[in-house]
Amino acid sequence: MKTPGPRPVPDRQCLQGILYVLRTGIGWEDLPQEFGFRSGMTCWRWINAGVFDDLHRILLAQLNAANEIDWSRAVIDGSHIDTKRGSRTLSSPPFPAPT
């Protein structure tokens, strides 16, 4: 007889756990289980698998289509993105210095 493993965490609980971590800034391992989130590592795996990024893109697309986003208040920040190998660093300007 096969022993059942742990039941999967419902998608809504994972999403709520992710939002709780993002809002409070706590660590994944500190996610309160008494709120029904179960494992913070499960929520983290959800993000690592790209599920949250996909949901974010879909939500933005739907809000944009409904004209519900004020793009005049949007900010783009790439400071958290790693550069590719061999790319220029901040110390090397993209063009030669004027003479």
C-alpha atoms as a PDB file:
ATOM      1  CA  MET A   1       0.000   0.000   0.000  1.00  0.00           C
ATOM      2  CA  LYS A   2       1.347   3.384  -0.995  1.00  0.00           C
ATOM      3  CA  THR A   3       1.577   5.881   1.844  1.00  0.00           C
ATOM      4  CA  PRO A   4       0.165   9.269   0.934  1.00  0.00           C
ATOM      5  CA  GLY A   5       2.534  12.211   0.974  1.00  0.00           C
ATOM      6  CA  PRO A   6       1.680  15.677   2.183  1.00  0.00           C
ATOM      7  CA  ARG A   7      -1.225  17.291   0.428  1.00  0.00           C
ATOM      8  CA  PRO A   8      -0.223  20.011  -2.008  1.00  0.00           C
ATOM      9  CA  VAL A   9      -0.671  23.564  -0.805  1.00  0.00           C
ATOM     10  CA  PRO A  10      -3.576  25.221  -2.631  1.00  0.00           C
ATOM     11  CA  ASP A  11      -2.529  27.927  -5.104  1.00  0.00           C
ATOM     12  CA  ARG A  12      -4.371  30.620  -3.154  1.00  0.00           C
ATOM     13  CA  GLN A  13      -2.426  29.818   0.015  1.00  0.00           C
ATOM     14  CA  CYS A  14       0.868  29.995  -1.895  1.00  0.00           C
ATOM     15  CA  LEU A  15      -0.067  33.347  -3.401  1.00  0.00           C
ATOM     16  CA  GLN A  16      -1.131  34.697  -0.006  1.00  0.00           C
ATOM     17  CA  GLY A  17       2.108  33.440   1.540  1.00  0.00           C
ATOM     18  CA  ILE A  18       4.181  35.121  -1.178  1.00  0.00           C
ATOM     19  CA  LEU A  19       2.312  38.394  -0.763  1.00  0.00           C
ATOM     20  CA  TYR A  20       2.741  38.201   3.023  1.00  0.00           C
ATOM     21  CA  VAL A  21       6.515  37.769   2.666  1.00  0.00           C
ATOM     22  CA  LEU A  22       6.753  40.593   0.123  1.00  0.00           C
ATOM     23  CA  ARG A  23       4.688  42.933   2.281  1.00  0.00           C
ATOM     24  CA  THR A  24       6.352  42.217   5.630  1.00  0.00           C
ATOM     25  CA  GLY A  25       9.895  41.456   4.472  1.00  0.00           C
ATOM     26  CA  ILE A  26      10.188  38.357   6.681  1.00  0.00           C
ATOM     27  CA  GLY A  27      12.220  35.350   5.596  1.00  0.00           C
ATOM     28  CA  TRP A  28      10.580  32.395   3.868  1.00  0.00           C
ATOM     29  CA  GLU A  29      11.406  30.130   6.807  1.00  0.00           C
ATOM     30  CA  ASP A  30       9.578  32.547   9.144  1.00  0.00           C
ATOM     31  CA  LEU A  31       6.259  32.432   7.278  1.00  0.00           C
ATOM     32  CA  PRO A  32       3.646  31.869  10.034  1.00  0.00           C
ATOM     33  CA  GLN A  33       2.086  28.434   9.620  1.00  0.00           C
ATOM     34  CA  GLU A  34      -0.819  29.399  11.870  1.00  0.00           C
ATOM     35  CA  PHE A  35      -2.088  31.614   9.008  1.00  0.00           C
ATOM     36  CA  GLY A  36      -2.493  28.514   6.838  1.00  0.00           C
ATOM     37  CA  PHE A  37       0.496  29.136   4.559  1.00  0.00           C
ATOM     38  CA  ARG A  38       2.075  25.808   5.562  1.00  0.00           C
ATOM     39  CA  SER A  39       5.658  25.857   4.291  1.00  0.00           C
ATOM     40  CA  GLY A  40       7.503  29.015   3.309  1.00  0.00           C
ATOM     41  CA  MET A  41       9.766  26.840   1.149  1.00  0.00           C
ATOM     42  CA  THR A  42       6.734  25.749  -0.882  1.00  0.00           C
ATOM     43  CA  CYS A  43       5.909  29.385  -1.588  1.00  0.00           C
ATOM     44  CA  TRP A  44       9.553  30.065  -2.418  1.00  0.00           C
ATOM     45  CA  ARG A  45       9.593  27.133  -4.851  1.00  0.00           C
ATOM     46  CA  TRP A  46       6.523  28.645  -6.516  1.00  0.00           C
ATOM     47  CA  ILE A  47       8.490  31.831  -7.155  1.00  0.00           C
ATOM     48  CA  ASN A  48      11.602  29.917  -8.210  1.00  0.00           C
ATOM     49  CA  ALA A  49       9.542  27.974 -10.781  1.00  0.00           C
ATOM     50  CA  GLY A  50       8.403  31.265 -12.359  1.00  0.00           C
ATOM     51  CA  VAL A  51       4.738  30.924 -11.412  1.00  0.00           C
ATOM     52  CA  PHE A  52       4.609  34.292  -9.643  1.00  0.00           C
ATOM     53  CA  ASP A  53       6.317  36.031 -12.605  1.00  0.00           C
ATOM     54  CA  ASP A  54       3.721  34.552 -14.968  1.00  0.00           C
ATOM     55  CA  LEU A  55       0.858  35.704 -12.722  1.00  0.00           C
ATOM     56  CA  HIS A  56       2.406  39.172 -12.493  1.00  0.00           C
ATOM     57  CA  ARG A  57       2.670  39.459 -16.307  1.00  0.00           C
ATOM     58  CA  ILE A  58      -0.934  38.299 -16.776  1.00  0.00           C
ATOM     59  CA  LEU A  59      -2.223  40.733 -14.159  1.00  0.00           C
ATOM     60  CA  LEU A  60      -0.306  43.646 -15.702  1.00  0.00           C
ATOM     61  CA  ALA A  61      -1.579  42.754 -19.183  1.00  0.00           C
ATOM     62  CA  GLN A  62      -5.183  42.626 -17.990  1.00  0.00           C
ATOM     63  CA  LEU A  63      -4.909  45.872 -16.045  1.00  0.00           C
ATOM     64  CA  ASN A  64      -3.220  47.570 -18.998  1.00  0.00           C
ATOM     65  CA  ALA A  65      -5.928  46.346 -21.390  1.00  0.00           C
ATOM     66  CA  ALA A  66      -8.560  47.789 -19.045  1.00  0.00           C
ATOM     67  CA  ASN A  67      -6.596  51.076 -18.907  1.00  0.00           C
ATOM     68  CA  GLU A  68      -6.260  50.686 -15.116  1.00  0.00           C
ATOM     69  CA  ILE A  69      -2.520  51.425 -14.857  1.00  0.00           C
ATOM     70  CA  ASP A  70      -1.171  54.953 -14.533  1.00  0.00           C
ATOM     71  CA  TRP A  71       2.078  54.465 -16.469  1.00  0.00           C
ATOM     72  CA  SER A  72       3.155  58.042 -15.677  1.00  0.00           C
ATOM     73  CA  ARG A  73       3.951  56.782 -12.175  1.00  0.00           C
ATOM     74  CA  ALA A  74       5.859  53.666 -13.286  1.00  0.00           C
ATOM     75  CA  VAL A  75       9.568  53.237 -12.614  1.00  0.00           C
ATOM     76  CA  ILE A  76      11.963  50.822 -14.283  1.00  0.00           C
ATOM     77  CA  ASP A  77      14.861  49.567 -12.200  1.00  0.00           C
ATOM     78  CA  GLY A  78      17.378  47.032 -13.431  1.00  0.00           C
ATOM     79  CA  SER A  79      19.749  47.230 -10.477  1.00  0.00           C
ATOM     80  CA  HIS A  80      18.817  43.718  -9.310  1.00  0.00           C
ATOM     81  CA  ILE A  81      19.612  42.064 -12.658  1.00  0.00           C
ATOM     82  CA  ASP A  82      23.019  40.446 -13.124  1.00  0.00           C
ATOM     83  CA  THR A  83      25.027  41.384 -16.194  1.00  0.00           C
ATOM     84  CA  LYS A  84      25.973  38.746 -18.705  1.00  0.00           C
ATOM     85  CA  ARG A  85      29.509  37.444 -18.799  1.00  0.00           C
ATOM     86  CA  GLY A  86      31.794  39.647 -20.799  1.00  0.00           C
ATOM     87  CA  SER A  87      29.483  42.642 -20.655  1.00  0.00           C
ATOM     88  CA  ARG A  88      30.748  46.054 -19.735  1.00  0.00           C
ATOM     89  CA  THR A  89      30.822  47.047 -16.122  1.00  0.00           C
ATOM     90  CA  LEU A  90      30.026  50.450 -14.673  1.00  0.00           C
ATOM     91  CA  SER A  91      33.743  51.266 -14.767  1.00  0.00           C
ATOM     92  CA  SER A  92      33.860  50.970 -18.563  1.00  0.00           C
ATOM     93  CA  PRO A  93      31.814  53.632 -20.372  1.00  0.00           C
ATOM     94  CA  PRO A  94      29.753  52.521 -23.387  1.00  0.00           C
ATOM     95  CA  PHE A  95      31.529  55.053 -25.595  1.00  0.00           C
ATOM     96  CA  PRO A  96      35.029  56.570 -25.726  1.00  0.00           C
ATOM     97  CA  ALA A  97      35.645  59.634 -23.585  1.00  0.00           C
ATOM     98  CA  PRO A  98      35.702  62.904 -25.537  1.00  0.00           C
ATOM     99  CA  THR A  99      39.144  64.312 -26.344  1.00  0.00           C
END
